[in-house]
N, C-alpha and C. Protein backbone atom coordinates (compact mmCIF):
# COMPACT_ATOMS: atom_id res chain seq x y z
N MET A 1 -7.31 -2.47 13.20
CA MET A 1 -6.62 -3.74 13.07
C MET A 1 -7.09 -4.65 14.21
N SER A 2 -7.33 -5.90 13.89
CA SER A 2 -7.77 -6.87 14.88
C SER A 2 -6.63 -7.26 15.81
N GLU A 3 -6.99 -7.43 17.06
CA GLU A 3 -6.01 -7.91 18.03
C GLU A 3 -5.76 -9.39 17.82
N ILE A 4 -4.60 -9.84 18.27
CA ILE A 4 -4.28 -11.26 18.29
C ILE A 4 -4.39 -11.71 19.73
N THR A 5 -5.19 -12.75 19.97
CA THR A 5 -5.36 -13.32 21.30
C THR A 5 -4.74 -14.71 21.31
N ARG A 6 -3.90 -14.96 22.30
CA ARG A 6 -3.25 -16.26 22.45
C ARG A 6 -3.67 -16.87 23.78
N LEU A 7 -4.06 -18.14 23.74
CA LEU A 7 -4.46 -18.85 24.96
C LEU A 7 -3.57 -20.08 25.16
N HIS A 8 -3.30 -20.37 26.42
CA HIS A 8 -2.45 -21.52 26.78
C HIS A 8 -1.10 -21.41 26.07
N THR A 9 -0.46 -20.27 26.29
CA THR A 9 0.79 -19.97 25.61
C THR A 9 1.98 -20.49 26.39
N GLY A 10 2.83 -21.21 25.69
CA GLY A 10 4.08 -21.69 26.26
C GLY A 10 5.24 -21.10 25.48
N GLN A 11 6.42 -21.59 25.73
CA GLN A 11 7.60 -21.07 25.05
C GLN A 11 7.56 -21.32 23.55
N ARG A 12 7.05 -22.51 23.14
CA ARG A 12 7.07 -22.88 21.73
C ARG A 12 5.81 -22.52 20.96
N SER A 13 4.66 -22.58 21.63
CA SER A 13 3.42 -22.35 20.89
C SER A 13 2.28 -22.01 21.84
N SER A 14 1.20 -21.57 21.25
CA SER A 14 -0.06 -21.35 21.96
C SER A 14 -1.03 -22.41 21.47
N LYS A 15 -1.84 -22.96 22.36
CA LYS A 15 -2.81 -23.96 21.93
C LYS A 15 -3.89 -23.36 21.05
N ILE A 16 -4.22 -22.09 21.33
CA ILE A 16 -5.25 -21.38 20.55
C ILE A 16 -4.73 -19.99 20.24
N VAL A 17 -4.86 -19.58 18.96
CA VAL A 17 -4.57 -18.20 18.56
C VAL A 17 -5.80 -17.71 17.79
N MET A 18 -6.27 -16.51 18.16
CA MET A 18 -7.42 -15.94 17.47
C MET A 18 -7.04 -14.59 16.90
N HIS A 19 -7.47 -14.37 15.67
CA HIS A 19 -7.25 -13.09 14.99
C HIS A 19 -8.49 -12.80 14.18
N GLY A 20 -9.12 -11.68 14.46
CA GLY A 20 -10.38 -11.40 13.79
C GLY A 20 -11.39 -12.49 14.12
N ASP A 21 -12.01 -13.04 13.11
CA ASP A 21 -12.99 -14.11 13.31
C ASP A 21 -12.41 -15.49 13.04
N THR A 22 -11.09 -15.60 13.07
CA THR A 22 -10.44 -16.86 12.76
C THR A 22 -9.74 -17.44 13.99
N ILE A 23 -9.88 -18.74 14.16
CA ILE A 23 -9.28 -19.48 15.27
C ILE A 23 -8.26 -20.46 14.68
N TYR A 24 -7.06 -20.44 15.22
CA TYR A 24 -6.00 -21.36 14.81
C TYR A 24 -5.65 -22.23 16.01
N LEU A 25 -5.63 -23.54 15.81
CA LEU A 25 -5.24 -24.45 16.89
C LEU A 25 -3.87 -25.05 16.60
N THR A 26 -3.09 -25.22 17.65
CA THR A 26 -1.82 -25.91 17.51
C THR A 26 -2.08 -27.37 17.12
N GLY A 27 -1.09 -28.04 16.58
CA GLY A 27 -1.24 -29.44 16.19
C GLY A 27 -1.66 -30.30 17.37
N GLN A 28 -2.62 -31.17 17.14
CA GLN A 28 -3.13 -32.06 18.18
C GLN A 28 -2.74 -33.50 17.88
N VAL A 29 -2.21 -34.17 18.90
CA VAL A 29 -1.84 -35.58 18.77
C VAL A 29 -2.52 -36.36 19.88
N GLY A 30 -2.59 -37.68 19.69
CA GLY A 30 -3.17 -38.56 20.70
C GLY A 30 -2.08 -39.18 21.55
N THR A 31 -2.46 -40.23 22.24
CA THR A 31 -1.53 -40.95 23.12
C THR A 31 -0.61 -41.82 22.28
N ALA A 32 0.70 -41.58 22.43
CA ALA A 32 1.69 -42.35 21.70
C ALA A 32 1.52 -43.84 22.01
N GLY A 33 1.57 -44.66 20.97
CA GLY A 33 1.47 -46.10 21.14
C GLY A 33 0.07 -46.66 20.96
N GLU A 34 -0.95 -45.81 21.01
CA GLU A 34 -2.32 -46.27 20.79
C GLU A 34 -2.55 -46.51 19.29
N SER A 35 -3.66 -47.14 18.95
CA SER A 35 -4.00 -47.41 17.55
C SER A 35 -4.28 -46.11 16.82
N ILE A 36 -4.28 -46.16 15.50
CA ILE A 36 -4.58 -44.98 14.70
C ILE A 36 -6.00 -44.49 15.00
N GLN A 37 -6.95 -45.41 15.19
CA GLN A 37 -8.31 -44.99 15.49
C GLN A 37 -8.38 -44.28 16.84
N GLN A 38 -7.70 -44.82 17.85
CA GLN A 38 -7.74 -44.21 19.18
C GLN A 38 -7.03 -42.86 19.17
N GLN A 39 -5.88 -42.78 18.51
CA GLN A 39 -5.17 -41.50 18.44
C GLN A 39 -6.03 -40.46 17.72
N THR A 40 -6.72 -40.87 16.66
CA THR A 40 -7.59 -39.95 15.93
C THR A 40 -8.72 -39.47 16.83
N ARG A 41 -9.37 -40.39 17.55
CA ARG A 41 -10.45 -40.00 18.47
C ARG A 41 -9.95 -38.99 19.50
N GLU A 42 -8.77 -39.25 20.07
CA GLU A 42 -8.23 -38.35 21.07
C GLU A 42 -7.93 -36.97 20.48
N CYS A 43 -7.39 -36.93 19.29
CA CYS A 43 -7.14 -35.64 18.63
C CYS A 43 -8.43 -34.87 18.45
N LEU A 44 -9.45 -35.53 17.96
CA LEU A 44 -10.72 -34.87 17.69
C LEU A 44 -11.40 -34.41 18.98
N GLU A 45 -11.26 -35.19 20.05
CA GLU A 45 -11.79 -34.77 21.35
C GLU A 45 -11.07 -33.51 21.84
N LYS A 46 -9.76 -33.46 21.67
CA LYS A 46 -9.00 -32.27 22.06
C LYS A 46 -9.44 -31.06 21.24
N ILE A 47 -9.63 -31.26 19.95
CA ILE A 47 -10.10 -30.17 19.08
C ILE A 47 -11.46 -29.68 19.54
N ASP A 48 -12.37 -30.61 19.84
CA ASP A 48 -13.69 -30.22 20.35
C ASP A 48 -13.55 -29.35 21.60
N GLY A 49 -12.69 -29.76 22.52
CA GLY A 49 -12.52 -29.02 23.76
C GLY A 49 -11.95 -27.63 23.55
N LEU A 50 -10.94 -27.52 22.70
CA LEU A 50 -10.33 -26.21 22.44
C LEU A 50 -11.31 -25.28 21.73
N LEU A 51 -12.03 -25.80 20.75
CA LEU A 51 -13.01 -24.96 20.06
C LEU A 51 -14.12 -24.52 21.00
N ALA A 52 -14.58 -25.43 21.85
CA ALA A 52 -15.64 -25.08 22.81
C ALA A 52 -15.17 -23.97 23.76
N GLU A 53 -13.90 -24.01 24.12
CA GLU A 53 -13.35 -23.00 25.03
C GLU A 53 -13.51 -21.58 24.48
N VAL A 54 -13.50 -21.44 23.16
CA VAL A 54 -13.64 -20.11 22.55
C VAL A 54 -14.99 -19.95 21.84
N GLY A 55 -15.95 -20.81 22.21
CA GLY A 55 -17.32 -20.65 21.72
C GLY A 55 -17.56 -21.17 20.32
N SER A 56 -16.70 -22.04 19.82
CA SER A 56 -16.87 -22.57 18.46
C SER A 56 -17.06 -24.09 18.54
N ASP A 57 -17.19 -24.72 17.39
CA ASP A 57 -17.34 -26.18 17.35
C ASP A 57 -16.97 -26.70 15.96
N ASN A 58 -17.13 -28.00 15.75
CA ASN A 58 -16.68 -28.61 14.50
C ASN A 58 -17.59 -28.33 13.30
N THR A 59 -18.64 -27.54 13.50
CA THR A 59 -19.42 -27.08 12.34
C THR A 59 -18.80 -25.81 11.76
N ARG A 60 -17.78 -25.26 12.43
CA ARG A 60 -17.16 -24.00 12.02
C ARG A 60 -15.75 -24.20 11.47
N LEU A 61 -15.39 -25.44 11.15
CA LEU A 61 -14.06 -25.73 10.61
C LEU A 61 -13.90 -25.09 9.24
N LEU A 62 -12.77 -24.44 9.04
CA LEU A 62 -12.45 -23.86 7.73
C LEU A 62 -11.47 -24.75 6.97
N HIS A 63 -10.38 -25.13 7.64
CA HIS A 63 -9.35 -25.94 7.00
C HIS A 63 -8.70 -26.84 8.04
N VAL A 64 -8.43 -28.08 7.64
CA VAL A 64 -7.73 -29.03 8.52
C VAL A 64 -6.61 -29.67 7.72
N THR A 65 -5.42 -29.66 8.31
CA THR A 65 -4.29 -30.40 7.75
C THR A 65 -4.07 -31.60 8.65
N ILE A 66 -3.97 -32.77 8.04
CA ILE A 66 -3.76 -34.01 8.77
C ILE A 66 -2.44 -34.62 8.32
N TRP A 67 -1.57 -34.88 9.28
CA TRP A 67 -0.31 -35.57 8.99
C TRP A 67 -0.41 -36.98 9.53
N LEU A 68 -0.19 -37.96 8.66
CA LEU A 68 -0.14 -39.36 9.06
C LEU A 68 1.31 -39.84 8.99
N ALA A 69 1.72 -40.63 9.97
CA ALA A 69 3.05 -41.21 9.94
C ALA A 69 3.16 -42.22 8.80
N ASP A 70 2.03 -42.82 8.43
CA ASP A 70 2.01 -43.83 7.37
C ASP A 70 0.67 -43.73 6.64
N MET A 71 0.70 -43.48 5.35
CA MET A 71 -0.53 -43.33 4.57
C MET A 71 -1.35 -44.62 4.53
N GLN A 72 -0.78 -45.72 4.96
CA GLN A 72 -1.56 -46.96 5.05
C GLN A 72 -2.66 -46.84 6.12
N ASP A 73 -2.53 -45.86 7.01
CA ASP A 73 -3.54 -45.63 8.04
C ASP A 73 -4.66 -44.70 7.57
N PHE A 74 -4.62 -44.26 6.32
CA PHE A 74 -5.58 -43.28 5.79
C PHE A 74 -7.03 -43.73 5.97
N ALA A 75 -7.36 -44.95 5.57
CA ALA A 75 -8.74 -45.44 5.64
C ALA A 75 -9.20 -45.55 7.09
N ALA A 76 -8.37 -46.07 7.96
CA ALA A 76 -8.75 -46.24 9.37
C ALA A 76 -8.95 -44.88 10.05
N MET A 77 -8.08 -43.93 9.76
CA MET A 77 -8.24 -42.59 10.31
C MET A 77 -9.54 -41.96 9.80
N ASN A 78 -9.82 -42.12 8.50
CA ASN A 78 -11.02 -41.54 7.91
C ASN A 78 -12.31 -42.12 8.47
N GLU A 79 -12.29 -43.37 8.93
CA GLU A 79 -13.49 -43.94 9.56
C GLU A 79 -13.89 -43.11 10.78
N VAL A 80 -12.91 -42.74 11.59
CA VAL A 80 -13.19 -41.93 12.78
C VAL A 80 -13.53 -40.50 12.37
N TRP A 81 -12.75 -39.94 11.46
CA TRP A 81 -12.98 -38.58 10.97
C TRP A 81 -14.39 -38.42 10.41
N ASN A 82 -14.80 -39.35 9.53
CA ASN A 82 -16.10 -39.25 8.86
C ASN A 82 -17.25 -39.27 9.86
N ALA A 83 -17.10 -40.01 10.95
CA ALA A 83 -18.15 -40.06 11.98
C ALA A 83 -18.18 -38.78 12.80
N TRP A 84 -17.07 -38.05 12.84
CA TRP A 84 -16.96 -36.85 13.67
C TRP A 84 -17.43 -35.58 12.96
N VAL A 85 -17.14 -35.45 11.68
CA VAL A 85 -17.49 -34.23 10.95
C VAL A 85 -18.99 -34.20 10.68
N PRO A 86 -19.68 -33.17 11.13
CA PRO A 86 -21.12 -33.08 10.89
C PRO A 86 -21.42 -32.99 9.38
N GLU A 87 -22.44 -33.72 8.96
CA GLU A 87 -22.81 -33.72 7.55
C GLU A 87 -23.06 -32.29 7.08
N GLY A 88 -22.50 -31.96 5.93
CA GLY A 88 -22.66 -30.63 5.36
C GLY A 88 -21.68 -29.61 5.88
N HIS A 89 -20.77 -30.00 6.78
CA HIS A 89 -19.82 -29.07 7.38
C HIS A 89 -18.37 -29.50 7.17
N SER A 90 -18.11 -30.27 6.13
CA SER A 90 -16.73 -30.71 5.86
C SER A 90 -15.86 -29.50 5.50
N PRO A 91 -14.69 -29.39 6.14
CA PRO A 91 -13.80 -28.27 5.84
C PRO A 91 -12.96 -28.55 4.60
N ALA A 92 -12.27 -27.54 4.12
CA ALA A 92 -11.19 -27.80 3.17
C ALA A 92 -10.18 -28.64 3.96
N ARG A 93 -9.54 -29.60 3.30
CA ARG A 93 -8.70 -30.52 4.04
C ARG A 93 -7.52 -30.98 3.20
N ALA A 94 -6.40 -31.17 3.87
CA ALA A 94 -5.22 -31.77 3.24
C ALA A 94 -4.75 -32.88 4.15
N CYS A 95 -4.26 -33.96 3.56
CA CYS A 95 -3.74 -35.07 4.34
C CYS A 95 -2.48 -35.58 3.65
N GLY A 96 -1.42 -35.69 4.41
CA GLY A 96 -0.17 -36.18 3.84
C GLY A 96 0.58 -37.04 4.84
N GLU A 97 1.66 -37.60 4.37
CA GLU A 97 2.50 -38.45 5.20
C GLU A 97 3.71 -37.65 5.65
N SER A 98 4.04 -37.78 6.95
CA SER A 98 5.17 -37.06 7.49
C SER A 98 5.70 -37.79 8.72
N ARG A 99 6.99 -37.69 8.95
CA ARG A 99 7.54 -38.22 10.19
C ARG A 99 7.11 -37.26 11.29
N LEU A 100 6.47 -37.79 12.33
CA LEU A 100 5.99 -36.96 13.43
C LEU A 100 7.05 -36.87 14.52
N ALA A 101 6.77 -36.11 15.57
CA ALA A 101 7.76 -35.80 16.61
C ALA A 101 8.33 -37.04 17.29
N ARG A 102 7.50 -38.08 17.44
CA ARG A 102 7.96 -39.35 18.02
C ARG A 102 7.43 -40.48 17.18
N PRO A 103 8.16 -41.58 17.06
CA PRO A 103 7.72 -42.68 16.20
C PRO A 103 6.40 -43.32 16.62
N GLU A 104 6.02 -43.20 17.90
CA GLU A 104 4.78 -43.81 18.38
C GLU A 104 3.55 -42.98 18.02
N LEU A 105 3.76 -41.75 17.57
CA LEU A 105 2.64 -40.90 17.15
C LEU A 105 2.29 -41.24 15.71
N LEU A 106 1.01 -41.44 15.46
CA LEU A 106 0.56 -41.88 14.14
C LEU A 106 -0.16 -40.80 13.35
N VAL A 107 -0.68 -39.77 14.05
CA VAL A 107 -1.49 -38.76 13.36
C VAL A 107 -1.41 -37.44 14.12
N GLU A 108 -1.47 -36.34 13.36
CA GLU A 108 -1.53 -35.00 13.95
C GLU A 108 -2.50 -34.17 13.12
N PHE A 109 -3.35 -33.41 13.82
CA PHE A 109 -4.35 -32.56 13.18
C PHE A 109 -4.02 -31.10 13.44
N ILE A 110 -4.08 -30.28 12.42
CA ILE A 110 -3.87 -28.84 12.54
C ILE A 110 -5.14 -28.17 12.00
N VAL A 111 -5.77 -27.34 12.83
CA VAL A 111 -7.12 -26.84 12.54
C VAL A 111 -7.15 -25.32 12.46
N THR A 112 -7.89 -24.83 11.48
CA THR A 112 -8.29 -23.44 11.39
C THR A 112 -9.82 -23.43 11.37
N ALA A 113 -10.41 -22.62 12.23
CA ALA A 113 -11.88 -22.58 12.34
C ALA A 113 -12.34 -21.11 12.43
N ALA A 114 -13.64 -20.94 12.34
CA ALA A 114 -14.24 -19.60 12.44
C ALA A 114 -14.93 -19.44 13.78
N LYS A 115 -14.92 -18.20 14.26
CA LYS A 115 -15.72 -17.89 15.43
C LYS A 115 -17.18 -17.86 15.00
N PRO A 116 -18.09 -18.14 15.92
CA PRO A 116 -19.52 -18.08 15.56
C PRO A 116 -19.96 -16.65 15.27
């Protein structure tokens, strides 16, 4: 049986959980009050950093769930997303509207990726 490894573990969650060859990241948000594009960029930068910490990157994405506070931000968020995802490496993805933890947060990304 594969071990479960947790990194940056707090009372509520771990930023990274690994099991077998799968990496799970906690939800990533940007700076509250910034634009949807800026919050998206910040989320993706955090994802890059966490994946790099365990030797992976955005070419190894398996599934991404994106929560938007308002679906009217879908196109603007996708402009940043489309520039970030390497061609030919698009993950399975879901995007929906949800009330986030604070009203100033516009987007949250939840990532599952593979180890190299």
